[in-house]
């Protein structure tokens, strides 16, 4: 009987959207850098409009380690992660699971360092992006740091700048994630919220091989809003504070008018400009508060629906 231990079983969970040219390169990189592991890769095609699904099925025919799910339409990156994890829980039992993007900016050759950290006792190994020396716009840097700061303050869940969906988790963590039934799945917030032992490893992203980033400003804002509302009720308290400030300002102005009128002090009448400005300010605060309440009510409405968060259109055998 051989004393050589069985190789570590590893499953890569890879959401992809219009990554036709990158999929063969991703598989080639996995074959080169993960030879010491018993690995598989599960691509989740998030309703791509190019030939991504054809590239996945072709890769599956060449290498049975490659598996794939295909959404019936685009359901979003977080739902693709969720689908991959639920499929992994049902049919792909492994020791560790790695989530990463298909564009090769998350370097596959970095995974052995993550495995080493996991062997050291970490349940979650989170890769943290280092942007030093990279050509990134000031706007992107500012908005990224602002989101992590605001999210941490509002939710009480500490999130460090540069966190992405490049991480390694073990089977127990996968079980916890799959057990959560959130309609608005936000894995970047869920794992820090859990308090599971986490080790953060800095890495330098590689340049995208083909195509352009699909994470637009609109998607970034939607993800940020979903994360904040899903993990915090502080915006509701902020709306109360804004309402109280408006009331205090209105009362102060009323007392001012009462005093100057009783004292017979002649003041300069600003007329319509001051009236319109006051009405617009109060109306803006009211609409802001109603908007916050509406978002939370909408979340409750969607959470109470029994509709699935994604639909599988096809899968590899």
C-alpha atoms as a PDB file:
ATOM      1  CA  UNK A   1       0.000   0.000   0.000  1.00  0.00           C
ATOM      2  CA  UNK A   2       1.376   3.433  -0.927  1.00  0.00           C
ATOM      3  CA  UNK A   3       2.080   5.917   1.861  1.00  0.00           C
ATOM      4  CA  UNK A   4       1.624   8.853  -0.512  1.00  0.00           C
ATOM      5  CA  UNK A   5      -1.413  10.888   0.606  1.00  0.00           C
ATOM      6  CA  UNK A   6      -4.196  11.485  -1.841  1.00  0.00           C
ATOM      7  CA  UNK A   7      -3.894  14.836  -3.624  1.00  0.00           C
ATOM      8  CA  UNK A   8      -6.023  17.698  -2.361  1.00  0.00           C
ATOM      9  CA  UNK A   9      -9.391  17.813  -4.075  1.00  0.00           C
ATOM     10  CA  UNK A  10     -10.073  21.307  -5.407  1.00  0.00           C
ATOM     11  CA  UNK A  11     -12.948  22.880  -7.326  1.00  0.00           C
ATOM     12  CA  UNK A  12     -12.619  26.236  -9.062  1.00  0.00           C
ATOM     13  CA  UNK A  13     -15.951  28.108  -9.316  1.00  0.00           C
ATOM     14  CA  UNK A  14     -15.713  30.600 -12.174  1.00  0.00           C
ATOM     15  CA  UNK A  15     -18.527  32.993 -13.216  1.00  0.00           C
ATOM     16  CA  UNK A  16     -18.067  34.218 -16.767  1.00  0.00           C
ATOM     17  CA  UNK A  17     -19.825  36.743 -18.959  1.00  0.00           C
ATOM     18  CA  UNK A  18     -18.633  37.191 -22.560  1.00  0.00           C
ATOM     19  CA  UNK A  19     -15.264  35.527 -21.877  1.00  0.00           C
ATOM     20  CA  UNK A  20     -15.065  33.320 -24.986  1.00  0.00           C
ATOM     21  CA  UNK A  21     -11.399  34.070 -25.707  1.00  0.00           C
ATOM     22  CA  UNK A  22     -10.284  33.761 -22.073  1.00  0.00           C
ATOM     23  CA  UNK A  23     -11.829  30.367 -21.264  1.00  0.00           C
ATOM     24  CA  UNK A  24      -9.250  28.223 -23.170  1.00  0.00           C
ATOM     25  CA  UNK A  25      -6.424  30.279 -21.611  1.00  0.00           C
ATOM     26  CA  UNK A  26      -7.941  29.792 -18.154  1.00  0.00           C
ATOM     27  CA  UNK A  27      -8.060  25.997 -18.573  1.00  0.00           C
ATOM     28  CA  UNK A  28      -4.499  25.974 -19.901  1.00  0.00           C
ATOM     29  CA  UNK A  29      -3.309  27.977 -16.878  1.00  0.00           C
ATOM     30  CA  UNK A  30      -5.101  25.574 -14.502  1.00  0.00           C
ATOM     31  CA  UNK A  31      -3.453  22.594 -16.186  1.00  0.00           C
ATOM     32  CA  UNK A  32      -0.029  24.185 -15.796  1.00  0.00           C
ATOM     33  CA  UNK A  33      -0.304  25.487 -12.227  1.00  0.00           C
ATOM     34  CA  UNK A  34      -2.494  22.941 -10.417  1.00  0.00           C
ATOM     35  CA  UNK A  35      -0.748  19.682 -11.307  1.00  0.00           C
ATOM     36  CA  UNK A  36      -0.250  18.695  -7.663  1.00  0.00           C
ATOM     37  CA  UNK A  37      -3.995  18.836  -6.939  1.00  0.00           C
ATOM     38  CA  UNK A  38      -6.996  16.768  -7.967  1.00  0.00           C
ATOM     39  CA  UNK A  39      -8.728  19.787  -9.472  1.00  0.00           C
ATOM     40  CA  UNK A  40     -11.869  20.522 -11.429  1.00  0.00           C
ATOM     41  CA  UNK A  41     -13.248  23.785 -12.762  1.00  0.00           C
ATOM     42  CA  UNK A  42     -16.929  24.707 -12.876  1.00  0.00           C
ATOM     43  CA  UNK A  43     -17.692  27.578 -15.258  1.00  0.00           C
ATOM     44  CA  UNK A  44     -21.007  29.371 -14.756  1.00  0.00           C
ATOM     45  CA  UNK A  45     -22.005  31.106 -17.975  1.00  0.00           C
ATOM     46  CA  UNK A  46     -24.007  34.163 -16.906  1.00  0.00           C
ATOM     47  CA  UNK A  47     -26.078  34.612 -20.070  1.00  0.00           C
ATOM     48  CA  UNK A  48     -23.149  35.537 -22.325  1.00  0.00           C
ATOM     49  CA  UNK A  49     -23.913  36.939 -25.784  1.00  0.00           C
ATOM     50  CA  UNK A  50     -20.732  35.615 -27.398  1.00  0.00           C
ATOM     51  CA  UNK A  51     -19.497  32.029 -27.780  1.00  0.00           C
ATOM     52  CA  UNK A  52     -18.592  31.514 -24.121  1.00  0.00           C
ATOM     53  CA  UNK A  53     -20.841  28.472 -23.720  1.00  0.00           C
ATOM     54  CA  UNK A  54     -19.450  26.895 -26.877  1.00  0.00           C
ATOM     55  CA  UNK A  55     -15.942  27.485 -25.505  1.00  0.00           C
ATOM     56  CA  UNK A  56     -16.921  25.833 -22.205  1.00  0.00           C
ATOM     57  CA  UNK A  57     -18.431  22.758 -23.890  1.00  0.00           C
ATOM     58  CA  UNK A  58     -15.407  22.462 -26.186  1.00  0.00           C
ATOM     59  CA  UNK A  59     -13.077  22.620 -23.180  1.00  0.00           C
ATOM     60  CA  UNK A  60     -15.217  19.964 -21.456  1.00  0.00           C
ATOM     61  CA  UNK A  61     -14.868  17.631 -24.461  1.00  0.00           C
ATOM     62  CA  UNK A  62     -11.082  18.032 -24.393  1.00  0.00           C
ATOM     63  CA  UNK A  63     -10.716  17.759 -20.635  1.00  0.00           C
ATOM     64  CA  UNK A  64     -13.357  16.060 -18.425  1.00  0.00           C
ATOM     65  CA  UNK A  65     -12.119  18.108 -15.450  1.00  0.00           C
ATOM     66  CA  UNK A  66     -13.954  21.070 -17.004  1.00  0.00           C
ATOM     67  CA  UNK A  67     -17.657  21.359 -16.151  1.00  0.00           C
ATOM     68  CA  UNK A  68     -20.179  24.051 -16.935  1.00  0.00           C
ATOM     69  CA  UNK A  69     -23.545  25.573 -16.100  1.00  0.00           C
ATOM     70  CA  UNK A  70     -25.358  27.919 -18.467  1.00  0.00           C
ATOM     71  CA  UNK A  71     -27.941  30.435 -17.240  1.00  0.00           C
ATOM     72  CA  UNK A  72     -31.059  30.919 -19.326  1.00  0.00           C
ATOM     73  CA  UNK A  73     -30.252  34.653 -19.294  1.00  0.00           C
ATOM     74  CA  UNK A  74     -28.025  37.092 -17.428  1.00  0.00           C
ATOM     75  CA  UNK A  75     -28.750  36.902 -13.687  1.00  0.00           C
ATOM     76  CA  UNK A  76     -25.640  38.686 -12.385  1.00  0.00           C
ATOM     77  CA  UNK A  77     -22.193  37.823 -11.050  1.00  0.00           C
ATOM     78  CA  UNK A  78     -23.268  37.141  -7.457  1.00  0.00           C
ATOM     79  CA  UNK A  79     -26.024  34.771  -8.558  1.00  0.00           C
ATOM     80  CA  UNK A  80     -23.497  32.984 -10.775  1.00  0.00           C
ATOM     81  CA  UNK A  81     -21.317  32.473  -7.700  1.00  0.00           C
ATOM     82  CA  UNK A  82     -24.346  31.251  -5.778  1.00  0.00           C
ATOM     83  CA  UNK A  83     -25.288  28.791  -8.536  1.00  0.00           C
ATOM     84  CA  UNK A  84     -21.735  27.465  -8.700  1.00  0.00           C
ATOM     85  CA  UNK A  85     -21.624  26.914  -4.951  1.00  0.00           C
ATOM     86  CA  UNK A  86     -25.012  25.185  -4.861  1.00  0.00           C
ATOM     87  CA  UNK A  87     -23.985  22.940  -7.744  1.00  0.00           C
ATOM     88  CA  UNK A  88     -20.701  22.198  -5.963  1.00  0.00           C
ATOM     89  CA  UNK A  89     -22.590  21.227  -2.812  1.00  0.00           C
ATOM     90  CA  UNK A  90     -24.815  18.814  -4.736  1.00  0.00           C
ATOM     91  CA  UNK A  91     -22.450  17.172  -7.223  1.00  0.00           C
ATOM     92  CA  UNK A  92     -18.813  18.255  -6.758  1.00  0.00           C
ATOM     93  CA  UNK A  93     -17.478  17.316  -3.335  1.00  0.00           C
ATOM     94  CA  UNK A  94     -13.991  18.689  -2.715  1.00  0.00           C
ATOM     95  CA  UNK A  95     -11.700  19.647   0.137  1.00  0.00           C
ATOM     96  CA  UNK A  96     -11.436  23.289  -0.892  1.00  0.00           C
ATOM     97  CA  UNK A  97     -13.315  25.585  -3.252  1.00  0.00           C
ATOM     98  CA  UNK A  98     -11.807  28.601  -4.995  1.00  0.00           C
ATOM     99  CA  UNK A  99     -13.938  31.390  -6.469  1.00  0.00           C
ATOM    100  CA  UNK A 100     -12.297  33.583  -9.102  1.00  0.00           C
ATOM    101  CA  UNK A 101     -13.028  35.386 -12.357  1.00  0.00           C
ATOM    102  CA  UNK A 102     -12.477  33.997 -15.851  1.00  0.00           C
ATOM    103  CA  UNK A 103     -10.530  36.984 -17.160  1.00  0.00           C
ATOM    104  CA  UNK A 104      -7.229  35.705 -15.633  1.00  0.00           C
ATOM    105  CA  UNK A 105      -6.738  38.858 -13.566  1.00  0.00           C
ATOM    106  CA  UNK A 106      -7.030  36.549 -10.569  1.00  0.00           C
ATOM    107  CA  UNK A 107      -3.769  34.590 -11.032  1.00  0.00           C
ATOM    108  CA  UNK A 108      -4.233  30.824 -10.823  1.00  0.00           C
ATOM    109  CA  UNK A 109      -0.564  30.464  -9.872  1.00  0.00           C
ATOM    110  CA  UNK A 110      -1.406  32.270  -6.604  1.00  0.00           C
ATOM    111  CA  UNK A 111      -3.724  29.448  -5.474  1.00  0.00           C
ATOM    112  CA  UNK A 112      -0.957  27.259  -3.920  1.00  0.00           C
ATOM    113  CA  UNK A 113      -0.212  30.109  -1.478  1.00  0.00           C
ATOM    114  CA  UNK A 114      -3.892  30.161  -0.548  1.00  0.00           C
ATOM    115  CA  UNK A 115      -3.834  26.400   0.013  1.00  0.00           C
ATOM    116  CA  UNK A 116      -0.823  26.803   2.299  1.00  0.00           C
ATOM    117  CA  UNK A 117      -2.728  29.380   4.376  1.00  0.00           C
ATOM    118  CA  UNK A 118      -5.702  27.012   4.554  1.00  0.00           C
ATOM    119  CA  UNK A 119      -3.462  24.192   5.744  1.00  0.00           C
ATOM    120  CA  UNK A 120      -2.299  26.594   8.447  1.00  0.00           C
ATOM    121  CA  UNK A 121      -5.788  26.703   9.927  1.00  0.00           C
ATOM    122  CA  UNK A 122      -7.710  29.414   8.024  1.00  0.00           C
ATOM    123  CA  UNK A 123     -11.289  28.535   7.051  1.00  0.00           C
ATOM    124  CA  UNK A 124     -11.463  31.383   4.521  1.00  0.00           C
ATOM    125  CA  UNK A 125      -8.430  32.625   2.597  1.00  0.00           C
ATOM    126  CA  UNK A 126      -9.273  36.005   1.076  1.00  0.00           C
ATOM    127  CA  UNK A 127      -7.079  37.505  -1.625  1.00  0.00           C
ATOM    128  CA  UNK A 128      -6.653  41.280  -1.298  1.00  0.00           C
ATOM    129  CA  UNK A 129      -5.867  43.256  -4.434  1.00  0.00           C
ATOM    130  CA  UNK A 130      -2.805  45.512  -4.359  1.00  0.00           C
ATOM    131  CA  UNK A 131      -3.091  48.427  -6.785  1.00  0.00           C
ATOM    132  CA  UNK A 132       0.369  49.919  -6.246  1.00  0.00           C
ATOM    133  CA  UNK A 133       2.039  50.456  -9.609  1.00  0.00           C
ATOM    134  CA  UNK A 134      -1.145  49.708 -11.585  1.00  0.00           C
ATOM    135  CA  UNK A 135      -2.727  52.225 -13.924  1.00  0.00           C
ATOM    136  CA  UNK A 136      -6.093  52.788 -12.284  1.00  0.00           C
ATOM    137  CA  UNK A 137      -8.121  55.986 -12.532  1.00  0.00           C
ATOM    138  CA  UNK A 138      -8.470  58.197  -9.486  1.00  0.00           C
ATOM    139  CA  UNK A 139     -12.261  57.878  -9.754  1.00  0.00           C
ATOM    140  CA  UNK A 140     -12.147  54.058  -9.537  1.00  0.00           C
ATOM    141  CA  UNK A 141      -9.745  54.113  -6.593  1.00  0.00           C
ATOM    142  CA  UNK A 142     -11.850  56.708  -4.774  1.00  0.00           C
ATOM    143  CA  UNK A 143     -15.196  54.973  -5.331  1.00  0.00           C
ATOM    144  CA  UNK A 144     -13.765  51.572  -4.349  1.00  0.00           C
ATOM    145  CA  UNK A 145     -12.330  52.851  -1.066  1.00  0.00           C
ATOM    146  CA  UNK A 146     -15.474  54.887  -0.400  1.00  0.00           C
ATOM    147  CA  UNK A 147     -17.683  51.821  -0.808  1.00  0.00           C
ATOM    148  CA  UNK A 148     -15.660  49.648   1.575  1.00  0.00           C
ATOM    149  CA  UNK A 149     -15.500  52.464   4.120  1.00  0.00           C
ATOM    150  CA  UNK A 150     -19.223  53.248   3.943  1.00  0.00           C
ATOM    151  CA  UNK A 151     -20.179  49.558   4.004  1.00  0.00           C
ATOM    152  CA  UNK A 152     -18.013  48.887   7.077  1.00  0.00           C
ATOM    153  CA  UNK A 153     -19.441  51.925   8.891  1.00  0.00           C
ATOM    154  CA  UNK A 154     -23.072  51.214   8.075  1.00  0.00           C
ATOM    155  CA  UNK A 155     -23.073  47.441   8.588  1.00  0.00           C
ATOM    156  CA  UNK A 156     -20.535  47.013  11.374  1.00  0.00           C
ATOM    157  CA  UNK A 157     -18.873  44.329   9.213  1.00  0.00           C
ATOM    158  CA  UNK A 158     -15.234  45.140   8.585  1.00  0.00           C
ATOM    159  CA  UNK A 159     -14.298  45.042   4.913  1.00  0.00           C
ATOM    160  CA  UNK A 160     -10.820  46.055   3.844  1.00  0.00           C
ATOM    161  CA  UNK A 161     -10.244  47.886   0.537  1.00  0.00           C
ATOM    162  CA  UNK A 162      -9.232  45.677  -2.379  1.00  0.00           C
ATOM    163  CA  UNK A 163     -11.374  42.679  -1.445  1.00  0.00           C
ATOM    164  CA  UNK A 164     -12.781  40.834  -4.438  1.00  0.00           C
ATOM    165  CA  UNK A 165     -14.374  37.470  -5.165  1.00  0.00           C
ATOM    166  CA  UNK A 166     -10.982  35.739  -5.309  1.00  0.00           C
ATOM    167  CA  UNK A 167     -10.973  33.462  -2.271  1.00  0.00           C
ATOM    168  CA  UNK A 168     -10.572  29.905  -1.011  1.00  0.00           C
ATOM    169  CA  UNK A 169     -13.023  28.244   1.376  1.00  0.00           C
ATOM    170  CA  UNK A 170     -13.310  24.761   2.839  1.00  0.00           C
ATOM    171  CA  UNK A 171     -16.250  22.356   2.735  1.00  0.00           C
ATOM    172  CA  UNK A 172     -17.701  23.533   6.045  1.00  0.00           C
ATOM    173  CA  UNK A 173     -17.767  27.143   4.863  1.00  0.00           C
ATOM    174  CA  UNK A 174     -19.442  26.053   1.631  1.00  0.00           C
ATOM    175  CA  UNK A 175     -22.143  24.337   3.693  1.00  0.00           C
ATOM    176  CA  UNK A 176     -22.724  27.565   5.633  1.00  0.00           C
ATOM    177  CA  UNK A 177     -22.945  29.668   2.458  1.00  0.00           C
ATOM    178  CA  UNK A 178     -25.370  27.287   0.762  1.00  0.00           C
ATOM    179  CA  UNK A 179     -27.561  27.243   3.882  1.00  0.00           C
ATOM    180  CA  UNK A 180     -28.091  31.027   3.624  1.00  0.00           C
ATOM    181  CA  UNK A 181     -31.245  31.787   1.651  1.00  0.00           C
ATOM    182  CA  UNK A 182     -30.652  35.467   0.891  1.00  0.00           C
ATOM    183  CA  UNK A 183     -32.287  36.566  -2.348  1.00  0.00           C
ATOM    184  CA  UNK A 184     -29.707  39.331  -2.767  1.00  0.00           C
ATOM    185  CA  UNK A 185     -26.581  37.225  -2.471  1.00  0.00           C
ATOM    186  CA  UNK A 186     -23.522  39.284  -1.485  1.00  0.00           C
ATOM    187  CA  UNK A 187     -20.637  36.943  -0.694  1.00  0.00           C
ATOM    188  CA  UNK A 188     -18.157  39.751   0.031  1.00  0.00           C
ATOM    189  CA  UNK A 189     -20.306  40.782   2.986  1.00  0.00           C
ATOM    190  CA  UNK A 190     -21.564  37.353   4.053  1.00  0.00           C
ATOM    191  CA  UNK A 191     -18.175  35.812   4.839  1.00  0.00           C
ATOM    192  CA  UNK A 192     -16.837  38.730   6.955  1.00  0.00           C
ATOM    193  CA  UNK A 193     -20.214  38.848   8.725  1.00  0.00           C
ATOM    194  CA  UNK A 194     -19.917  35.153   9.656  1.00  0.00           C
ATOM    195  CA  UNK A 195     -16.786  35.710  11.757  1.00  0.00           C
ATOM    196  CA  UNK A 196     -15.152  32.535  10.420  1.00  0.00           C
ATOM    197  CA  UNK A 197     -11.374  32.417  10.769  1.00  0.00           C
ATOM    198  CA  UNK A 198     -10.029  34.322   7.784  1.00  0.00           C
ATOM    199  CA  UNK A 199      -6.541  35.001   6.500  1.00  0.00           C
ATOM    200  CA  UNK A 200      -5.974  37.831   4.035  1.00  0.00           C
ATOM    201  CA  UNK A 201      -3.240  37.441   1.432  1.00  0.00           C
ATOM    202  CA  UNK A 202      -2.218  40.376  -0.790  1.00  0.00           C
ATOM    203  CA  UNK A 203      -1.806  39.707  -4.500  1.00  0.00           C
ATOM    204  CA  UNK A 204      -1.082  41.729  -7.622  1.00  0.00           C
ATOM    205  CA  UNK A 205      -3.733  41.333 -10.350  1.00  0.00           C
ATOM    206  CA  UNK A 206      -2.599  40.359 -13.813  1.00  0.00           C
ATOM    207  CA  UNK A 207      -3.611  42.248 -16.914  1.00  0.00           C
ATOM    208  CA  UNK A 208      -6.760  41.103 -18.671  1.00  0.00           C
ATOM    209  CA  UNK A 209      -5.880  38.899 -21.651  1.00  0.00           C
ATOM    210  CA  UNK A 210      -8.894  39.579 -23.860  1.00  0.00           C
ATOM    211  CA  UNK A 211     -11.999  41.741 -23.784  1.00  0.00           C
ATOM    212  CA  UNK A 212     -12.913  44.537 -21.404  1.00  0.00           C
ATOM    213  CA  UNK A 213     -14.206  44.639 -17.853  1.00  0.00           C
ATOM    214  CA  UNK A 214     -17.939  43.901 -17.564  1.00  0.00           C
ATOM    215  CA  UNK A 215     -18.153  45.508 -14.105  1.00  0.00           C
ATOM    216  CA  UNK A 216     -19.589  48.876 -15.137  1.00  0.00           C
ATOM    217  CA  UNK A 217     -20.292  51.846 -12.860  1.00  0.00           C
ATOM    218  CA  UNK A 218     -24.000  50.942 -12.917  1.00  0.00           C
ATOM    219  CA  UNK A 219     -23.276  47.377 -11.768  1.00  0.00           C
ATOM    220  CA  UNK A 220     -20.850  48.677  -9.148  1.00  0.00           C
ATOM    221  CA  UNK A 221     -23.499  51.000  -7.687  1.00  0.00           C
ATOM    222  CA  UNK A 222     -26.144  48.236  -7.738  1.00  0.00           C
ATOM    223  CA  UNK A 223     -23.799  45.843  -5.924  1.00  0.00           C
ATOM    224  CA  UNK A 224     -22.900  48.499  -3.354  1.00  0.00           C
ATOM    225  CA  UNK A 225     -26.550  49.369  -2.695  1.00  0.00           C
ATOM    226  CA  UNK A 226     -27.508  45.696  -2.428  1.00  0.00           C
ATOM    227  CA  UNK A 227     -24.694  45.032   0.024  1.00  0.00           C
ATOM    228  CA  UNK A 228     -25.432  48.016   2.254  1.00  0.00           C
ATOM    229  CA  UNK A 229     -29.191  47.439   2.416  1.00  0.00           C
ATOM    230  CA  UNK A 230     -28.739  43.700   2.879  1.00  0.00           C
ATOM    231  CA  UNK A 231     -26.441  44.042   5.906  1.00  0.00           C
ATOM    232  CA  UNK A 232     -27.504  47.219   7.672  1.00  0.00           C
ATOM    233  CA  UNK A 233     -30.553  49.165   8.862  1.00  0.00           C
ATOM    234  CA  UNK A 234     -28.523  52.269   9.706  1.00  0.00           C
ATOM    235  CA  UNK A 235     -29.831  54.138   6.630  1.00  0.00           C
ATOM    236  CA  UNK A 236     -33.247  54.055   8.333  1.00  0.00           C
ATOM    237  CA  UNK A 237     -31.778  55.728  11.404  1.00  0.00           C
ATOM    238  CA  UNK A 238     -30.036  58.264   9.179  1.00  0.00           C
ATOM    239  CA  UNK A 239     -33.417  59.147   7.667  1.00  0.00           C
ATOM    240  CA  UNK A 240     -34.767  59.764  11.183  1.00  0.00           C
ATOM    241  CA  UNK A 241     -31.832  62.069  11.919  1.00  0.00           C
ATOM    242  CA  UNK A 242     -32.411  63.985   8.684  1.00  0.00           C
ATOM    243  CA  UNK A 243     -36.086  64.379   9.570  1.00  0.00           C
ATOM    244  CA  UNK A 244     -35.226  65.676  13.045  1.00  0.00           C
ATOM    245  CA  UNK A 245     -32.688  68.133  11.623  1.00  0.00           C
ATOM    246  CA  UNK A 246     -35.320  69.441   9.196  1.00  0.00           C
ATOM    247  CA  UNK A 247     -37.813  69.902  12.033  1.00  0.00           C
ATOM    248  CA  UNK A 248     -35.237  71.726  14.177  1.00  0.00           C
ATOM    249  CA  UNK A 249     -34.294  74.057  11.320  1.00  0.00           C
ATOM    250  CA  UNK A 250     -37.973  74.790  10.627  1.00  0.00           C
ATOM    251  CA  UNK A 251     -38.631  75.544  14.323  1.00  0.00           C
ATOM    252  CA  UNK A 252     -35.544  77.765  14.523  1.00  0.00           C
ATOM    253  CA  UNK A 253     -36.671  79.743  11.505  1.00  0.00           C
ATOM    254  CA  UNK A 254     -40.213  80.041  12.958  1.00  0.00           C
ATOM    255  CA  UNK A 255     -38.818  81.438  16.236  1.00  0.00           C
ATOM    256  CA  UNK A 256     -36.644  83.863  14.280  1.00  0.00           C
ATOM    257  CA  UNK A 257     -39.650  85.166  12.339  1.00  0.00           C
ATOM    258  CA  UNK A 258     -41.713  85.401  15.558  1.00  0.00           C
ATOM    259  CA  UNK A 259     -39.011  87.392  17.400  1.00  0.00           C
ATOM    260  CA  UNK A 260     -38.322  89.880  14.599  1.00  0.00           C
ATOM    261  CA  UNK A 261     -42.048  90.397  14.080  1.00  0.00           C
ATOM    262  CA  UNK A 262     -42.756  91.025  17.776  1.00  0.00           C
ATOM    263  CA  UNK A 263     -39.786  93.379  18.048  1.00  0.00           C
ATOM    264  CA  UNK A 264     -40.805  95.284  14.974  1.00  0.00           C
ATOM    265  CA  UNK A 265     -37.440  94.706  13.308  1.00  0.00           C
ATOM    266  CA  UNK A 266     -37.479  95.431   9.596  1.00  0.00           C
ATOM    267  CA  UNK A 267     -35.799  92.675   7.605  1.00  0.00           C
ATOM    268  CA  UNK A 268     -34.979  92.360   3.963  1.00  0.00           C
ATOM    269  CA  UNK A 269     -37.554  90.182   2.251  1.00  0.00           C
ATOM    270  CA  UNK A 270     -35.999  87.625  -0.053  1.00  0.00           C
ATOM    271  CA  UNK A 271     -39.405  86.687  -1.441  1.00  0.00           C
ATOM    272  CA  UNK A 272     -39.755  83.777  -3.807  1.00  0.00           C
ATOM    273  CA  UNK A 273     -36.072  82.627  -3.889  1.00  0.00           C
ATOM    274  CA  UNK A 274     -35.985  81.884  -0.147  1.00  0.00           C
ATOM    275  CA  UNK A 275     -39.437  80.251  -0.245  1.00  0.00           C
ATOM    276  CA  UNK A 276     -38.624  78.032  -3.197  1.00  0.00           C
ATOM    277  CA  UNK A 277     -35.239  77.045  -1.710  1.00  0.00           C
ATOM    278  CA  UNK A 278     -36.901  76.063   1.583  1.00  0.00           C
ATOM    279  CA  UNK A 279     -39.639  74.053  -0.141  1.00  0.00           C
ATOM    280  CA  UNK A 280     -37.118  72.240  -2.352  1.00  0.00           C
ATOM    281  CA  UNK A 281     -34.838  71.435   0.592  1.00  0.00           C
ATOM    282  CA  UNK A 282     -37.662  69.998   2.705  1.00  0.00           C
ATOM    283  CA  UNK A 283     -39.122  68.154  -0.284  1.00  0.00           C
ATOM    284  CA  UNK A 284     -35.705  66.692  -1.111  1.00  0.00           C
ATOM    285  CA  UNK A 285     -35.270  65.392   2.426  1.00  0.00           C
ATOM    286  CA  UNK A 286     -38.745  63.841   2.347  1.00  0.00           C
ATOM    287  CA  UNK A 287     -38.109  62.141  -0.989  1.00  0.00           C
ATOM    288  CA  UNK A 288     -34.751  60.868   0.261  1.00  0.00           C
ATOM    289  CA  UNK A 289     -36.376  59.330   3.329  1.00  0.00           C
ATOM    290  CA  UNK A 290     -39.193  57.839   1.252  1.00  0.00           C
ATOM    291  CA  UNK A 291     -36.602  56.394  -1.124  1.00  0.00           C
ATOM    292  CA  UNK A 292     -34.787  54.644   1.742  1.00  0.00           C
ATOM    293  CA  UNK A 293     -38.060  53.251   3.080  1.00  0.00           C
ATOM    294  CA  UNK A 294     -39.046  52.150  -0.423  1.00  0.00           C
ATOM    295  CA  UNK A 295     -35.798  50.260  -0.947  1.00  0.00           C
ATOM    296  CA  UNK A 296     -36.215  48.316   2.282  1.00  0.00           C
ATOM    297  CA  UNK A 297     -39.864  47.572   1.519  1.00  0.00           C
ATOM    298  CA  UNK A 298     -38.853  46.384  -1.950  1.00  0.00           C
ATOM    299  CA  UNK A 299     -36.231  44.097  -0.423  1.00  0.00           C
ATOM    300  CA  UNK A 300     -38.843  42.593   1.897  1.00  0.00           C
ATOM    301  CA  UNK A 301     -41.203  42.116  -1.046  1.00  0.00           C
ATOM    302  CA  UNK A 302     -38.566  40.314  -3.120  1.00  0.00           C
ATOM    303  CA  UNK A 303     -37.367  38.210  -0.185  1.00  0.00           C
ATOM    304  CA  UNK A 304     -40.935  36.930   0.377  1.00  0.00           C
ATOM    305  CA  UNK A 305     -41.288  35.735  -3.203  1.00  0.00           C
ATOM    306  CA  UNK A 306     -40.660  32.056  -3.913  1.00  0.00           C
ATOM    307  CA  UNK A 307     -39.213  32.818  -7.332  1.00  0.00           C
ATOM    308  CA  UNK A 308     -35.689  31.358  -7.872  1.00  0.00           C
ATOM    309  CA  UNK A 309     -32.792  33.802  -8.186  1.00  0.00           C
ATOM    310  CA  UNK A 310     -31.510  32.112 -11.346  1.00  0.00           C
ATOM    311  CA  UNK A 311     -32.579  29.591 -13.983  1.00  0.00           C
ATOM    312  CA  UNK A 312     -30.233  26.950 -15.435  1.00  0.00           C
ATOM    313  CA  UNK A 313     -30.671  26.657 -19.183  1.00  0.00           C
ATOM    314  CA  UNK A 314     -28.056  23.971 -19.870  1.00  0.00           C
ATOM    315  CA  UNK A 315     -25.179  22.101 -18.237  1.00  0.00           C
ATOM    316  CA  UNK A 316     -22.386  19.772 -19.240  1.00  0.00           C
ATOM    317  CA  UNK A 317     -22.804  16.051 -18.663  1.00  0.00           C
END
